[in-house]
Amino acid sequence: MAQVPAERQHPLGEVLRTQKAQMLVIVGLVAGTTSITYMVSYLPTVGVRELGMPASVTYTAAMVGYAVTVLVVPIMVSCPTSSAGSG
């Protein structure tokens, strides 16, 4: 079998060493959108059952939350990080 160079044996480690800022941005975006999705998904249920709000209000709030997510995520993805292009 052919020998694989040491730097190619652990590609995840190489990415984590050389692309720290980009990885932090990705982790932040995934965590942010996941938490927003859970909050917006359960907002109508909590609003109606626990707070006694009309369903129309809670569903409107959920749709506004989703719309904000749809608008903000592409903007955040397109923002360059300080080390973009280096390395």
Foldseek 3Di string as FASTA:
>chain_A
DDDDDPCVVCVVVVCCVPVVVVVVLVVVLVVVVVVLVVCLVCQLVCCCPPVVDDSVVSPVVSVVSVVVNVVVSVVSVPDDDPCPPPD
